[in-house]
Each structure stands twice: as structure tokens, then as C-alpha cells.
């Protein structure tokens, strides 16, 4: 009888230990980490600070892998302490990235404004060189082509301005940089034709 009572007590103690000892997936922490990463993506951290965004994403993947690892263990031996630490880091890093991206956007915006200021003088330089360029049959065809390219540059600059207005500073920067390179190339081409004409 004593043995039966002892077994019953042991079964009850074991059952209680199972209930108390079974660690659960920290779902609230996981949801918070995912929400923080989504907020970072919405703030365009993935575009302006891609390395930082990927590092946060990797940390979340590590946490998810750790959850799977713990889930595969026998209930009594599961521990989600490391998972909670990883998820807390993901949330903190994602929130920090949102703050950092605002600073980065301002930097890019200032850079674009500086580049934009170079466009008008570069266009005027090309137009000035066009006046000095050879006007023969070949020269006329070349100037018409350059005129078309100038029109394309001006249209692209307008698109860059629209991107700036919409807060898409990276697209604006790419367009303005490409336009400045194009204008430099046109100026070089015209100067070579002028030098050839003058026998330099």
C-alpha cells in the first residue's frame, strides 16, 4: 500500500514538474521582434542601411533557428533563455536602425542637393561648347544628337526632382550622378571636336 501511495506521489510530482518545467516559446517577444523588423523595412532601412538591416534579419533568423532547436528537445530540457536574449537584441537593433536611417536620409538628401547644384552649370558648359563646335555636315549631325541627349538629361533631372519631392533620395542621387556623368562625357566629346577643328 505504501509503495502504491509512493508511486502515486511520484507520478503527481513528475506531472507537476512537467507542467512547471515545460518552457514555452516566447511568442510575445517573437512578435515584437518581427514587428520591429517590419517597421525598419517600412522606414527603408533595407535601402539606406542594407548591411545593418541584413544583420538584424540574420539575428531574427538565428532566434527562429534556436526556437526550432529547443522545440526538438524533450519538454523538460527546453530552455528559451537564449531565444529571449536574441529577440530582445533584434527588437533593440531594429529600433536603433530606424533612428539611424533618418540621419542617413538627411545625409543623402544633402548630397543630392549638392549634386543638383552642379547640373545647371554643367548644362550651360555643354551649351557653350556647342556654340564653338564645328558646324560641317558631320558636326551638324553630332550637334543634333547632343541636343537630343541634353533634352534627355533635362527630362531625367525633372524625374530626379520628383523623386526628391517624394523623399526617394537614393533614386534622385542615382539619376543626378548619371546625368552629371553624361554631361561630362558630352563636354569631353565637344571639346575634342573643337580641339580637332583648331588643330590642337
Protein backbone atom coordinates (compact mmCIF):
# COMPACT_ATOMS: atom_id res chain seq x y z
CA UNK A 1 0.00 0.00 0.00
CA UNK A 2 2.85 2.29 0.93
CA UNK A 3 4.55 1.53 -2.37
CA UNK A 4 1.34 2.35 -4.28
CA UNK A 5 0.98 5.68 -2.46
CA UNK A 6 4.64 6.47 -3.14
CA UNK A 7 4.21 5.75 -6.86
CA UNK A 8 1.11 7.97 -6.91
CA UNK A 9 3.01 10.80 -5.21
CA UNK A 10 5.91 10.39 -7.63
CA UNK A 11 3.55 10.46 -10.63
CA UNK A 12 1.88 13.64 -9.30
CA UNK A 13 5.28 15.27 -8.62
CA UNK A 14 6.52 14.28 -12.07
CA UNK A 15 3.35 15.62 -13.72
CA UNK A 16 3.73 18.93 -11.83
CA UNK A 17 7.39 19.10 -12.80
CA UNK A 18 6.40 18.54 -16.43
CA UNK A 19 3.85 21.36 -16.27
CA UNK A 20 6.17 23.77 -14.48
CA UNK A 21 9.32 22.73 -16.28
CA UNK A 22 7.96 22.93 -19.82
CA UNK A 23 9.39 26.16 -21.14
CA UNK A 24 7.20 27.88 -23.73
CA UNK A 25 8.18 29.73 -26.89
CA UNK A 26 8.37 33.47 -26.01
CA UNK A 27 5.70 34.33 -28.61
CA UNK A 28 5.22 37.92 -27.45
CA UNK A 29 8.98 38.56 -27.80
CA UNK A 30 8.98 36.92 -31.23
CA UNK A 31 6.03 39.04 -32.39
CA UNK A 32 7.69 42.22 -31.07
CA UNK A 33 10.95 41.39 -32.90
CA UNK A 34 9.11 40.72 -36.18
CA UNK A 35 7.10 43.94 -35.81
CA UNK A 36 10.32 45.92 -35.15
CA UNK A 37 11.93 44.43 -38.28
CA UNK A 38 8.80 45.26 -40.33
CA UNK A 39 8.93 48.84 -39.01
CA UNK A 40 12.61 49.05 -40.01
CA UNK A 41 11.73 47.90 -43.54
CA UNK A 42 8.87 50.41 -43.72
CA UNK A 43 11.38 53.13 -42.76
CA UNK A 44 13.55 51.90 -45.72
CA UNK A 45 16.44 50.71 -43.56
CA UNK A 46 16.87 47.90 -46.13
CA UNK A 47 17.58 50.53 -48.84
CA UNK A 48 19.60 53.14 -46.96
CA UNK A 49 21.43 50.89 -44.47
CA UNK A 50 21.30 47.43 -46.12
CA UNK A 51 24.16 45.92 -44.10
CA UNK A 52 22.55 46.92 -40.82
CA UNK A 53 19.14 45.64 -41.95
CA UNK A 54 20.63 42.29 -43.04
CA UNK A 55 22.43 41.93 -39.70
CA UNK A 56 19.14 42.43 -37.81
CA UNK A 57 17.39 39.99 -40.16
CA UNK A 58 20.16 37.41 -39.56
CA UNK A 59 19.71 37.80 -35.79
CA UNK A 60 15.99 37.09 -36.17
CA UNK A 61 16.80 34.02 -38.28
CA UNK A 62 19.19 32.85 -35.55
CA UNK A 63 16.44 33.25 -32.94
CA UNK A 64 14.00 31.29 -35.12
CA UNK A 65 16.60 28.52 -35.60
CA UNK A 66 17.14 28.40 -31.83
CA UNK A 67 13.37 28.08 -31.27
CA UNK A 68 13.28 25.11 -33.65
CA UNK A 69 16.28 23.59 -31.88
CA UNK A 70 14.59 23.89 -28.47
CA UNK A 71 11.26 22.62 -29.81
CA UNK A 72 13.02 19.44 -30.98
CA UNK A 73 14.18 18.71 -27.42
CA UNK A 74 12.29 16.73 -24.78
CA UNK A 75 9.90 19.14 -22.99
CA UNK A 76 11.75 19.11 -19.65
CA UNK A 77 15.05 20.08 -21.28
CA UNK A 78 13.81 23.06 -23.32
CA UNK A 79 15.15 26.49 -22.49
CA UNK A 80 14.25 29.67 -24.37
CA UNK A 81 16.58 31.95 -22.43
CA UNK A 82 18.96 32.35 -25.39
CA UNK A 83 15.96 32.92 -27.68
CA UNK A 84 14.65 35.73 -25.46
CA UNK A 85 18.10 37.37 -25.47
CA UNK A 86 18.34 37.14 -29.27
CA UNK A 87 14.84 38.52 -29.76
CA UNK A 88 15.48 41.40 -27.35
CA UNK A 89 18.59 42.25 -29.40
CA UNK A 90 16.63 42.09 -32.67
CA UNK A 91 13.99 44.49 -31.31
CA UNK A 92 16.58 46.92 -29.92
CA UNK A 93 18.73 46.83 -33.08
CA UNK A 94 15.74 47.28 -35.39
CA UNK A 95 14.52 50.28 -33.37
CA UNK A 96 18.03 51.74 -33.40
CA UNK A 97 18.21 51.23 -37.18
CA UNK A 98 15.00 53.26 -37.63
CA UNK A 99 16.67 56.15 -35.76
CA UNK A 100 19.87 55.79 -37.81
CA UNK A 101 18.04 55.73 -41.16
CA UNK A 102 16.56 59.17 -40.52
CA UNK A 103 20.10 60.55 -40.19
CA UNK A 104 21.25 58.65 -43.30
CA UNK A 105 18.34 60.01 -45.36
CA UNK A 106 19.30 63.56 -44.39
CA UNK A 107 22.90 62.87 -45.44
CA UNK A 108 21.79 61.55 -48.85
CA UNK A 109 19.35 64.46 -49.27
CA UNK A 110 22.17 66.97 -48.62
CA UNK A 111 24.42 65.08 -51.05
CA UNK A 112 21.71 65.19 -53.76
CA UNK A 113 21.18 68.92 -53.23
CA UNK A 114 24.92 69.45 -53.73
CA UNK A 115 24.89 67.34 -56.91
CA UNK A 116 21.78 69.14 -58.23
CA UNK A 117 23.59 72.46 -57.89
CA UNK A 118 26.23 71.15 -60.32
CA UNK A 119 23.73 70.25 -63.06
CA UNK A 120 22.80 73.74 -64.36
CA UNK A 121 26.46 74.90 -64.75
CA UNK A 122 27.31 71.59 -66.46
CA UNK A 123 24.40 72.04 -68.90
CA UNK A 124 25.50 75.62 -69.62
CA UNK A 125 29.07 74.41 -70.19
CA UNK A 126 27.85 71.88 -72.79
CA UNK A 127 25.68 74.54 -74.49
CA UNK A 128 28.65 76.94 -74.56
CA UNK A 129 30.87 74.28 -76.16
CA UNK A 130 28.16 73.51 -78.71
CA UNK A 131 28.39 77.10 -79.96
CA UNK A 132 32.12 76.65 -80.58
CA UNK A 133 31.82 73.17 -82.12
CA UNK A 134 32.43 72.52 -85.85
CA UNK A 135 29.33 73.11 -87.99
CA UNK A 136 30.16 70.92 -91.01
CA UNK A 137 27.91 68.06 -92.21
CA UNK A 138 29.25 65.63 -89.60
CA UNK A 139 29.35 68.34 -86.96
CA UNK A 140 25.71 69.24 -87.53
CA UNK A 141 24.58 65.61 -87.09
CA UNK A 142 26.70 65.29 -83.94
CA UNK A 143 25.22 68.51 -82.51
CA UNK A 144 21.68 67.29 -83.19
CA UNK A 145 22.48 64.06 -81.32
CA UNK A 146 23.95 66.05 -78.44
CA UNK A 147 20.84 68.26 -78.37
CA UNK A 148 18.70 65.11 -78.03
CA UNK A 149 20.90 63.84 -75.22
CA UNK A 150 20.65 67.22 -73.46
CA UNK A 151 16.85 67.02 -73.67
CA UNK A 152 17.01 63.50 -72.16
CA UNK A 153 19.26 64.81 -69.35
CA UNK A 154 16.83 67.65 -68.60
CA UNK A 155 13.90 65.18 -68.50
CA UNK A 156 15.87 62.90 -66.17
CA UNK A 157 16.73 65.87 -63.91
CA UNK A 158 12.99 66.61 -63.68
CA UNK A 159 12.43 62.98 -62.62
CA UNK A 160 15.17 63.36 -60.00
CA UNK A 161 13.41 66.46 -58.67
CA UNK A 162 10.16 64.49 -58.40
CA UNK A 163 11.97 61.69 -56.56
CA UNK A 164 13.41 64.29 -54.16
CA UNK A 165 9.96 65.76 -53.53
CA UNK A 166 8.66 62.23 -52.79
CA UNK A 167 11.51 61.61 -50.35
CA UNK A 168 13.17 58.97 -52.55
CA UNK A 169 16.67 60.42 -52.17
CA UNK A 170 18.53 57.32 -53.37
CA UNK A 171 16.74 57.30 -56.74
CA UNK A 172 17.30 61.06 -57.05
CA UNK A 173 21.02 60.62 -56.30
CA UNK A 174 21.42 57.83 -58.88
CA UNK A 175 19.70 59.90 -61.57
CA UNK A 176 21.68 63.09 -60.86
CA UNK A 177 25.00 61.23 -60.75
CA UNK A 178 24.20 59.57 -64.10
CA UNK A 179 23.23 62.95 -65.58
CA UNK A 180 26.44 64.61 -64.41
CA UNK A 181 28.48 61.76 -65.91
CA UNK A 182 26.57 62.15 -69.19
CA UNK A 183 27.14 65.93 -69.23
CA UNK A 184 30.87 65.43 -68.54
CA UNK A 185 31.03 62.94 -71.41
CA UNK A 186 29.26 65.35 -73.80
CA UNK A 187 31.57 68.20 -72.77
CA UNK A 188 34.60 65.97 -73.38
CA UNK A 189 33.29 64.95 -76.82
CA UNK A 190 32.63 68.57 -77.81
CA UNK A 191 35.99 69.78 -76.53
CA UNK A 192 37.75 67.06 -78.57
CA UNK A 193 35.88 68.17 -81.71
CA UNK A 194 36.77 71.84 -81.03
CA UNK A 195 40.44 70.97 -80.43
CA UNK A 196 40.50 68.95 -83.68
CA UNK A 197 38.99 71.88 -85.58
CA UNK A 198 41.63 74.23 -84.15
CA UNK A 199 44.36 71.71 -84.98
CA UNK A 200 45.43 71.19 -81.37
